């Protein structure tokens, strides 16, 4: 059976730059026989990623469908209702 999954969010606490991340992500996808159609952009110093994540957490669409994981907050995974 085939499933399609939509990703919409940020990779946080990454220890790789954008190109290194994409190479690792592509390798992981291909190792599972998966593909990705979409875009990725590096987060710039001008962006307030914490504010953007907060918007996602309070958005009713994401609250209904999203699962959020913040490995640096000490509380593990937070799932929306």
PDB file of N, CA and C in Angstrom:
ATOM      1  N   UNK A   1       0.848  -1.171   0.000  1.00  0.00           N
ATOM      2  CA  UNK A   1       0.000   0.000   0.000  1.00  0.00           C
ATOM      3  C   UNK A   1       0.895   1.237   0.000  1.00  0.00           C
ATOM      4  N   UNK A   2       0.481   2.255  -0.702  1.00  0.00           N
ATOM      5  CA  UNK A   2       1.240   3.499  -0.803  1.00  0.00           C
ATOM      6  C   UNK A   2       0.576   4.573   0.045  1.00  0.00           C
ATOM      7  N   UNK A   3       1.374   5.278   0.791  1.00  0.00           N
ATOM      8  CA  UNK A   3       0.907   6.421   1.570  1.00  0.00           C
ATOM      9  C   UNK A   3       1.692   7.645   1.122  1.00  0.00           C
ATOM     10  N   UNK A   4       1.051   8.783   1.117  1.00  0.00           N
ATOM     11  CA  UNK A   4       1.726  10.053   0.864  1.00  0.00           C
ATOM     12  C   UNK A   4       1.638  10.868   2.143  1.00  0.00           C
ATOM     13  N   UNK A   5       2.703  11.562   2.457  1.00  0.00           N
ATOM     14  CA  UNK A   5       2.792  12.339   3.689  1.00  0.00           C
ATOM     15  C   UNK A   5       3.229  13.752   3.326  1.00  0.00           C
ATOM     16  N   UNK A   6       2.565  14.736   3.891  1.00  0.00           N
ATOM     17  CA  UNK A   6       2.933  16.126   3.651  1.00  0.00           C
ATOM     18  C   UNK A   6       3.737  16.640   4.833  1.00  0.00           C
ATOM     19  N   UNK A   7       4.870  17.257   4.552  1.00  0.00           N
ATOM     20  CA  UNK A   7       5.701  17.872   5.583  1.00  0.00           C
ATOM     21  C   UNK A   7       5.557  19.385   5.479  1.00  0.00           C
ATOM     22  N   UNK A   8       5.420  20.043   6.615  1.00  0.00           N
ATOM     23  CA  UNK A   8       5.327  21.495   6.630  1.00  0.00           C
ATOM     24  C   UNK A   8       5.834  21.950   7.989  1.00  0.00           C
ATOM     25  N   UNK A   9       7.043  22.417   8.052  1.00  0.00           N
ATOM     26  CA  UNK A   9       7.588  22.814   9.339  1.00  0.00           C
ATOM     27  C   UNK A   9       9.060  23.151   9.235  1.00  0.00           C
ATOM     28  N   UNK A  10       9.744  23.004  10.343  1.00  0.00           N
ATOM     29  CA  UNK A  10      11.162  23.346  10.433  1.00  0.00           C
ATOM     30  C   UNK A  10      11.930  22.167  11.020  1.00  0.00           C
ATOM     31  N   UNK A  11      13.146  21.972  10.562  1.00  0.00           N
ATOM     32  CA  UNK A  11      14.078  21.063  11.211  1.00  0.00           C
ATOM     33  C   UNK A  11      14.837  21.924  12.219  1.00  0.00           C
ATOM     34  N   UNK A  12      14.799  21.544  13.491  1.00  0.00           N
ATOM     35  CA  UNK A  12      15.458  22.342  14.526  1.00  0.00           C
ATOM     36  C   UNK A  12      16.632  21.563  15.116  1.00  0.00           C
ATOM     37  N   UNK A  13      17.557  22.284  15.697  1.00  0.00           N
ATOM     38  CA  UNK A  13      18.742  21.712  16.343  1.00  0.00           C
ATOM     39  C   UNK A  13      19.590  20.885  15.389  1.00  0.00           C
ATOM     40  N   UNK A  14      19.592  21.249  14.125  1.00  0.00           N
ATOM     41  CA  UNK A  14      20.367  20.530  13.117  1.00  0.00           C
ATOM     42  C   UNK A  14      21.833  20.963  13.213  1.00  0.00           C
ATOM     43  N   UNK A  15      22.723  19.992  13.160  1.00  0.00           N
ATOM     44  CA  UNK A  15      24.148  20.313  13.233  1.00  0.00           C
ATOM     45  C   UNK A  15      24.799  20.348  11.852  1.00  0.00           C
ATOM     46  N   UNK A  16      23.984  20.456  10.809  1.00  0.00           N
ATOM     47  CA  UNK A  16      24.485  20.500   9.435  1.00  0.00           C
ATOM     48  C   UNK A  16      23.964  21.768   8.755  1.00  0.00           C
ATOM     49  N   UNK A  17      24.754  22.283   7.794  1.00  0.00           N
ATOM     50  CA  UNK A  17      24.228  23.409   7.031  1.00  0.00           C
ATOM     51  C   UNK A  17      23.203  22.872   6.028  1.00  0.00           C
ATOM     52  N   UNK A  18      22.568  23.751   5.290  1.00  0.00           N
ATOM     53  CA  UNK A  18      21.468  23.372   4.410  1.00  0.00           C
ATOM     54  C   UNK A  18      21.874  22.293   3.401  1.00  0.00           C
ATOM     55  N   UNK A  19      23.005  22.482   2.728  1.00  0.00           N
ATOM     56  CA  UNK A  19      23.447  21.500   1.730  1.00  0.00           C
ATOM     57  C   UNK A  19      23.767  20.149   2.360  1.00  0.00           C
ATOM     58  N   UNK A  20      24.420  20.161   3.519  1.00  0.00           N
ATOM     59  CA  UNK A  20      24.723  18.904   4.211  1.00  0.00           C
ATOM     60  C   UNK A  20      23.436  18.211   4.662  1.00  0.00           C
ATOM     61  N   UNK A  21      22.487  18.994   5.170  1.00  0.00           N
ATOM     62  CA  UNK A  21      21.206  18.425   5.569  1.00  0.00           C
ATOM     63  C   UNK A  21      20.509  17.775   4.383  1.00  0.00           C
ATOM     64  N   UNK A  22      20.450  18.494   3.245  1.00  0.00           N
ATOM     65  CA  UNK A  22      19.768  17.941   2.069  1.00  0.00           C
ATOM     66  C   UNK A  22      20.419  16.646   1.604  1.00  0.00           C
ATOM     67  N   UNK A  23      21.740  16.586   1.641  1.00  0.00           N
ATOM     68  CA  UNK A  23      22.433  15.355   1.243  1.00  0.00           C
ATOM     69  C   UNK A  23      22.051  14.203   2.169  1.00  0.00           C
ATOM     70  N   UNK A  24      22.044  14.449   3.484  1.00  0.00           N
ATOM     71  CA  UNK A  24      21.679  13.405   4.449  1.00  0.00           C
ATOM     72  C   UNK A  24      20.206  13.025   4.314  1.00  0.00           C
ATOM     73  N   UNK A  25      19.344  14.014   4.119  1.00  0.00           N
ATOM     74  CA  UNK A  25      17.912  13.776   3.966  1.00  0.00           C
ATOM     75  C   UNK A  25      17.643  12.950   2.711  1.00  0.00           C
ATOM     76  N   UNK A  26      18.291  13.323   1.608  1.00  0.00           N
ATOM     77  CA  UNK A  26      18.140  12.587   0.350  1.00  0.00           C
ATOM     78  C   UNK A  26      18.625  11.155   0.498  1.00  0.00           C
ATOM     79  N   UNK A  27      19.755  10.982   1.147  1.00  0.00           N
ATOM     80  CA  UNK A  27      20.288   9.629   1.369  1.00  0.00           C
ATOM     81  C   UNK A  27      19.295   8.788   2.181  1.00  0.00           C
ATOM     82  N   UNK A  28      18.715   9.378   3.226  1.00  0.00           N
ATOM     83  CA  UNK A  28      17.741   8.677   4.057  1.00  0.00           C
ATOM     84  C   UNK A  28      16.503   8.310   3.249  1.00  0.00           C
ATOM     85  N   UNK A  29      15.999   9.270   2.460  1.00  0.00           N
ATOM     86  CA  UNK A  29      14.833   8.991   1.622  1.00  0.00           C
ATOM     87  C   UNK A  29      15.113   7.843   0.668  1.00  0.00           C
ATOM     88  N   UNK A  30      16.228   7.930  -0.051  1.00  0.00           N
ATOM     89  CA  UNK A  30      16.563   6.917  -1.043  1.00  0.00           C
ATOM     90  C   UNK A  30      16.809   5.554  -0.404  1.00  0.00           C
ATOM     91  N   UNK A  31      17.362   5.532   0.807  1.00  0.00           N
ATOM     92  CA  UNK A  31      17.612   4.258   1.483  1.00  0.00           C
ATOM     93  C   UNK A  31      16.312   3.533   1.824  1.00  0.00           C
ATOM     94  N   UNK A  32      15.217   4.287   1.868  1.00  0.00           N
ATOM     95  CA  UNK A  32      13.899   3.710   2.138  1.00  0.00           C
ATOM     96  C   UNK A  32      13.058   3.558   0.875  1.00  0.00           C
ATOM     97  N   UNK A  33      13.632   3.939  -0.271  1.00  0.00           N
ATOM     98  CA  UNK A  33      12.887   3.866  -1.522  1.00  0.00           C
ATOM     99  C   UNK A  33      11.836   4.951  -1.648  1.00  0.00           C
ATOM    100  N   UNK A  34      12.017   6.051  -0.936  1.00  0.00           N
ATOM    101  CA  UNK A  34      11.055   7.140  -0.922  1.00  0.00           C
ATOM    102  C   UNK A  34      11.571   8.322  -1.740  1.00  0.00           C
ATOM    103  N   UNK A  35      10.695   9.242  -2.060  1.00  0.00           N
ATOM    104  CA  UNK A  35      11.056  10.470  -2.740  1.00  0.00           C
ATOM    105  C   UNK A  35      10.438  11.648  -2.022  1.00  0.00           C
ATOM    106  N   UNK A  36      10.861  12.825  -2.406  1.00  0.00           N
ATOM    107  CA  UNK A  36      10.321  14.051  -1.814  1.00  0.00           C
ATOM    108  C   UNK A  36      10.104  15.047  -2.933  1.00  0.00           C
ATOM    109  N   UNK A  37       8.939  15.639  -2.970  1.00  0.00           N
ATOM    110  CA  UNK A  37       8.636  16.683  -3.921  1.00  0.00           C
ATOM    111  C   UNK A  37       8.243  17.910  -3.122  1.00  0.00           C
ATOM    112  N   UNK A  38       9.049  18.915  -3.182  1.00  0.00           N
ATOM    113  CA  UNK A  38       8.774  20.111  -2.409  1.00  0.00           C
ATOM    114  C   UNK A  38       9.978  21.023  -2.439  1.00  0.00           C
ATOM    115  N   UNK A  39      10.045  21.866  -1.474  1.00  0.00           N
ATOM    116  CA  UNK A  39      11.169  22.794  -1.414  1.00  0.00           C
ATOM    117  C   UNK A  39      11.722  22.836  -0.002  1.00  0.00           C
ATOM    118  N   UNK A  40      12.956  23.232   0.090  1.00  0.00           N
ATOM    119  CA  UNK A  40      13.570  23.470   1.392  1.00  0.00           C
ATOM    120  C   UNK A  40      14.368  24.755   1.286  1.00  0.00           C
ATOM    121  N   UNK A  41      14.363  25.492   2.359  1.00  0.00           N
ATOM    122  CA  UNK A  41      15.079  26.758   2.397  1.00  0.00           C
ATOM    123  C   UNK A  41      15.839  26.850   3.709  1.00  0.00           C
ATOM    124  N   UNK A  42      17.044  27.380   3.660  1.00  0.00           N
ATOM    125  CA  UNK A  42      17.730  27.610   4.933  1.00  0.00           C
ATOM    126  C   UNK A  42      17.051  28.742   5.690  1.00  0.00           C
ATOM    127  N   UNK A  43      17.020  28.635   6.992  1.00  0.00           N
ATOM    128  CA  UNK A  43      16.475  29.703   7.825  1.00  0.00           C
ATOM    129  C   UNK A  43      17.563  30.771   7.948  1.00  0.00           C
ATOM    130  N   UNK A  44      17.204  32.007   7.683  1.00  0.00           N
ATOM    131  CA  UNK A  44      18.190  33.091   7.736  1.00  0.00           C
ATOM    132  C   UNK A  44      18.247  33.697   9.132  1.00  0.00           C
ATOM    133  N   UNK A  45      19.290  34.447   9.372  1.00  0.00           N
ATOM    134  CA  UNK A  45      19.443  35.127  10.661  1.00  0.00           C
ATOM    135  C   UNK A  45      18.338  36.154  10.895  1.00  0.00           C
ATOM    136  N   UNK A  46      17.721  36.637   9.815  1.00  0.00           N
ATOM    137  CA  UNK A  46      16.655  37.631   9.930  1.00  0.00           C
ATOM    138  C   UNK A  46      15.322  37.027  10.373  1.00  0.00           C
ATOM    139  N   UNK A  47      15.189  35.713  10.288  1.00  0.00           N
ATOM    140  CA  UNK A  47      13.937  35.062  10.652  1.00  0.00           C
ATOM    141  C   UNK A  47      13.911  34.730  12.138  1.00  0.00           C
ATOM    142  N   UNK A  48      12.768  34.906  12.746  1.00  0.00           N
ATOM    143  CA  UNK A  48      12.574  34.549  14.146  1.00  0.00           C
ATOM    144  C   UNK A  48      11.881  33.187  14.174  1.00  0.00           C
ATOM    145  N   UNK A  49      12.679  32.123  14.163  1.00  0.00           N
ATOM    146  CA  UNK A  49      12.138  30.775  14.052  1.00  0.00           C
ATOM    147  C   UNK A  49      11.237  30.429  15.236  1.00  0.00           C
ATOM    148  N   UNK A  50      11.575  30.917  16.413  1.00  0.00           N
ATOM    149  CA  UNK A  50      10.727  30.635  17.576  1.00  0.00           C
ATOM    150  C   UNK A  50       9.340  31.249  17.401  1.00  0.00           C
ATOM    151  N   UNK A  51       9.276  32.446  16.842  1.00  0.00           N
ATOM    152  CA  UNK A  51       7.975  33.085  16.592  1.00  0.00           C
ATOM    153  C   UNK A  51       7.203  32.315  15.521  1.00  0.00           C
ATOM    154  N   UNK A  52       7.893  31.839  14.498  1.00  0.00           N
ATOM    155  CA  UNK A  52       7.231  31.072  13.446  1.00  0.00           C
ATOM    156  C   UNK A  52       6.680  29.760  13.992  1.00  0.00           C
ATOM    157  N   UNK A  53       7.443  29.087  14.831  1.00  0.00           N
ATOM    158  CA  UNK A  53       6.980  27.836  15.433  1.00  0.00           C
ATOM    159  C   UNK A  53       5.792  28.116  16.355  1.00  0.00           C
ATOM    160  N   UNK A  54       5.844  29.207  17.090  1.00  0.00           N
ATOM    161  CA  UNK A  54       4.720  29.573  17.957  1.00  0.00           C
ATOM    162  C   UNK A  54       3.448  29.796  17.141  1.00  0.00           C
ATOM    163  N   UNK A  55       3.574  30.431  15.967  1.00  0.00           N
ATOM    164  CA  UNK A  55       2.416  30.614  15.087  1.00  0.00           C
ATOM    165  C   UNK A  55       1.844  29.267  14.678  1.00  0.00           C
ATOM    166  N   UNK A  56       2.733  28.319  14.367  1.00  0.00           N
ATOM    167  CA  UNK A  56       2.276  26.988  13.972  1.00  0.00           C
ATOM    168  C   UNK A  56       1.546  26.306  15.133  1.00  0.00           C
ATOM    169  N   UNK A  57       2.065  26.469  16.340  1.00  0.00           N
ATOM    170  CA  UNK A  57       1.464  25.821  17.503  1.00  0.00           C
ATOM    171  C   UNK A  57       0.078  26.362  17.829  1.00  0.00           C
ATOM    172  N   UNK A  58      -0.175  27.615  17.470  1.00  0.00           N
ATOM    173  CA  UNK A  58      -1.465  28.224  17.782  1.00  0.00           C
ATOM    174  C   UNK A  58      -2.424  28.215  16.594  1.00  0.00           C
ATOM    175  N   UNK A  59      -1.969  27.761  15.432  1.00  0.00           N
ATOM    176  CA  UNK A  59      -2.795  27.692  14.237  1.00  0.00           C
ATOM    177  C   UNK A  59      -3.726  26.490  14.349  1.00  0.00           C
ATOM    178  N   UNK A  60      -5.016  26.695  14.131  1.00  0.00           N
ATOM    179  CA  UNK A  60      -5.986  25.606  14.313  1.00  0.00           C
ATOM    180  C   UNK A  60      -5.740  24.445  13.362  1.00  0.00           C
ATOM    181  N   UNK A  61      -5.257  24.707  12.168  1.00  0.00           N
ATOM    182  CA  UNK A  61      -4.953  23.618  11.231  1.00  0.00           C
ATOM    183  C   UNK A  61      -3.881  22.702  11.812  1.00  0.00           C
ATOM    184  N   UNK A  62      -2.811  23.282  12.291  1.00  0.00           N
ATOM    185  CA  UNK A  62      -1.729  22.474  12.846  1.00  0.00           C
ATOM    186  C   UNK A  62      -2.130  21.825  14.163  1.00  0.00           C
ATOM    187  N   UNK A  63      -2.924  22.522  14.952  1.00  0.00           N
ATOM    188  CA  UNK A  63      -3.387  21.929  16.217  1.00  0.00           C
ATOM    189  C   UNK A  63      -4.223  20.691  15.944  1.00  0.00           C
ATOM    190  N   UNK A  64      -4.972  20.718  14.853  1.00  0.00           N
ATOM    191  CA  UNK A  64      -5.824  19.573  14.525  1.00  0.00           C
ATOM    192  C   UNK A  64      -5.006  18.420  13.950  1.00  0.00           C
ATOM    193  N   UNK A  65      -4.043  18.712  13.089  1.00  0.00           N
ATOM    194  CA  UNK A  65      -3.354  17.669  12.340  1.00  0.00           C
ATOM    195  C   UNK A  65      -1.901  17.468  12.732  1.00  0.00           C
ATOM    196  N   UNK A  66      -1.298  18.417  13.391  1.00  0.00           N
ATOM    197  CA  UNK A  66       0.146  18.375  13.580  1.00  0.00           C
ATOM    198  C   UNK A  66       0.606  17.601  14.792  1.00  0.00           C
ATOM    199  N   UNK A  67       1.831  17.152  14.713  1.00  0.00           N
ATOM    200  CA  UNK A  67       2.549  16.589  15.841  1.00  0.00           C
ATOM    201  C   UNK A  67       3.846  17.374  15.936  1.00  0.00           C
ATOM    202  N   UNK A  68       4.189  17.793  17.123  1.00  0.00           N
ATOM    203  CA  UNK A  68       5.350  18.642  17.290  1.00  0.00           C
ATOM    204  C   UNK A  68       6.343  17.968  18.224  1.00  0.00           C
ATOM    205  N   UNK A  69       7.589  18.016  17.857  1.00  0.00           N
ATOM    206  CA  UNK A  69       8.641  17.439  18.679  1.00  0.00           C
ATOM    207  C   UNK A  69       9.732  18.481  18.859  1.00  0.00           C
ATOM    208  N   UNK A  70      10.027  18.795  20.106  1.00  0.00           N
ATOM    209  CA  UNK A  70      11.065  19.764  20.431  1.00  0.00           C
ATOM    210  C   UNK A  70      12.108  19.077  21.300  1.00  0.00           C
ATOM    211  N   UNK A  71      13.155  18.541  20.692  1.00  0.00           N
ATOM    212  CA  UNK A  71      14.124  17.767  21.463  1.00  0.00           C
ATOM    213  C   UNK A  71      14.886  18.568  22.505  1.00  0.00           C
ATOM    214  N   UNK A  72      14.883  19.898  22.412  1.00  0.00           N
ATOM    215  CA  UNK A  72      15.669  20.690  23.356  1.00  0.00           C
ATOM    216  C   UNK A  72      14.845  21.213  24.528  1.00  0.00           C
ATOM    217  N   UNK A  73      13.545  20.933  24.580  1.00  0.00           N
ATOM    218  CA  UNK A  73      12.743  21.528  25.645  1.00  0.00           C
ATOM    219  C   UNK A  73      12.619  20.634  26.879  1.00  0.00           C
ATOM    220  N   UNK A  74      13.192  19.439  26.821  1.00  0.00           N
ATOM    221  CA  UNK A  74      13.180  18.555  27.974  1.00  0.00           C
ATOM    222  C   UNK A  74      11.858  17.868  28.230  1.00  0.00           C
ATOM    223  N   UNK A  75      10.863  18.109  27.372  1.00  0.00           N
ATOM    224  CA  UNK A  75       9.562  17.511  27.604  1.00  0.00           C
ATOM    225  C   UNK A  75       9.184  16.502  26.540  1.00  0.00           C
ATOM    226  N   UNK A  76      10.099  16.193  25.625  1.00  0.00           N
ATOM    227  CA  UNK A  76       9.813  15.179  24.625  1.00  0.00           C
ATOM    228  C   UNK A  76       8.863  15.678  23.574  1.00  0.00           C
ATOM    229  N   UNK A  77       7.923  14.847  23.182  1.00  0.00           N
ATOM    230  CA  UNK A  77       7.025  15.176  22.084  1.00  0.00           C
ATOM    231  C   UNK A  77       5.715  15.731  22.610  1.00  0.00           C
ATOM    232  N   UNK A  78       5.270  16.782  21.963  1.00  0.00           N
ATOM    233  CA  UNK A  78       3.971  17.382  22.296  1.00  0.00           C
ATOM    234  C   UNK A  78       3.052  17.117  21.137  1.00  0.00           C
ATOM    235  N   UNK A  79       1.943  16.453  21.384  1.00  0.00           N
ATOM    236  CA  UNK A  79       0.986  16.185  20.322  1.00  0.00           C
ATOM    237  C   UNK A  79      -0.207  17.091  20.508  1.00  0.00           C
ATOM    238  N   UNK A  80      -0.704  17.597  19.386  1.00  0.00           N
ATOM    239  CA  UNK A  80      -1.880  18.451  19.475  1.00  0.00           C
ATOM    240  C   UNK A  80      -3.116  17.610  19.697  1.00  0.00           C
ATOM    241  N   UNK A  81      -4.181  18.280  20.137  1.00  0.00           N
ATOM    242  CA  UNK A  81      -5.435  17.572  20.416  1.00  0.00           C
ATOM    243  C   UNK A  81      -6.233  17.362  19.159  1.00  0.00           C
TER     244      UNK A  81
END
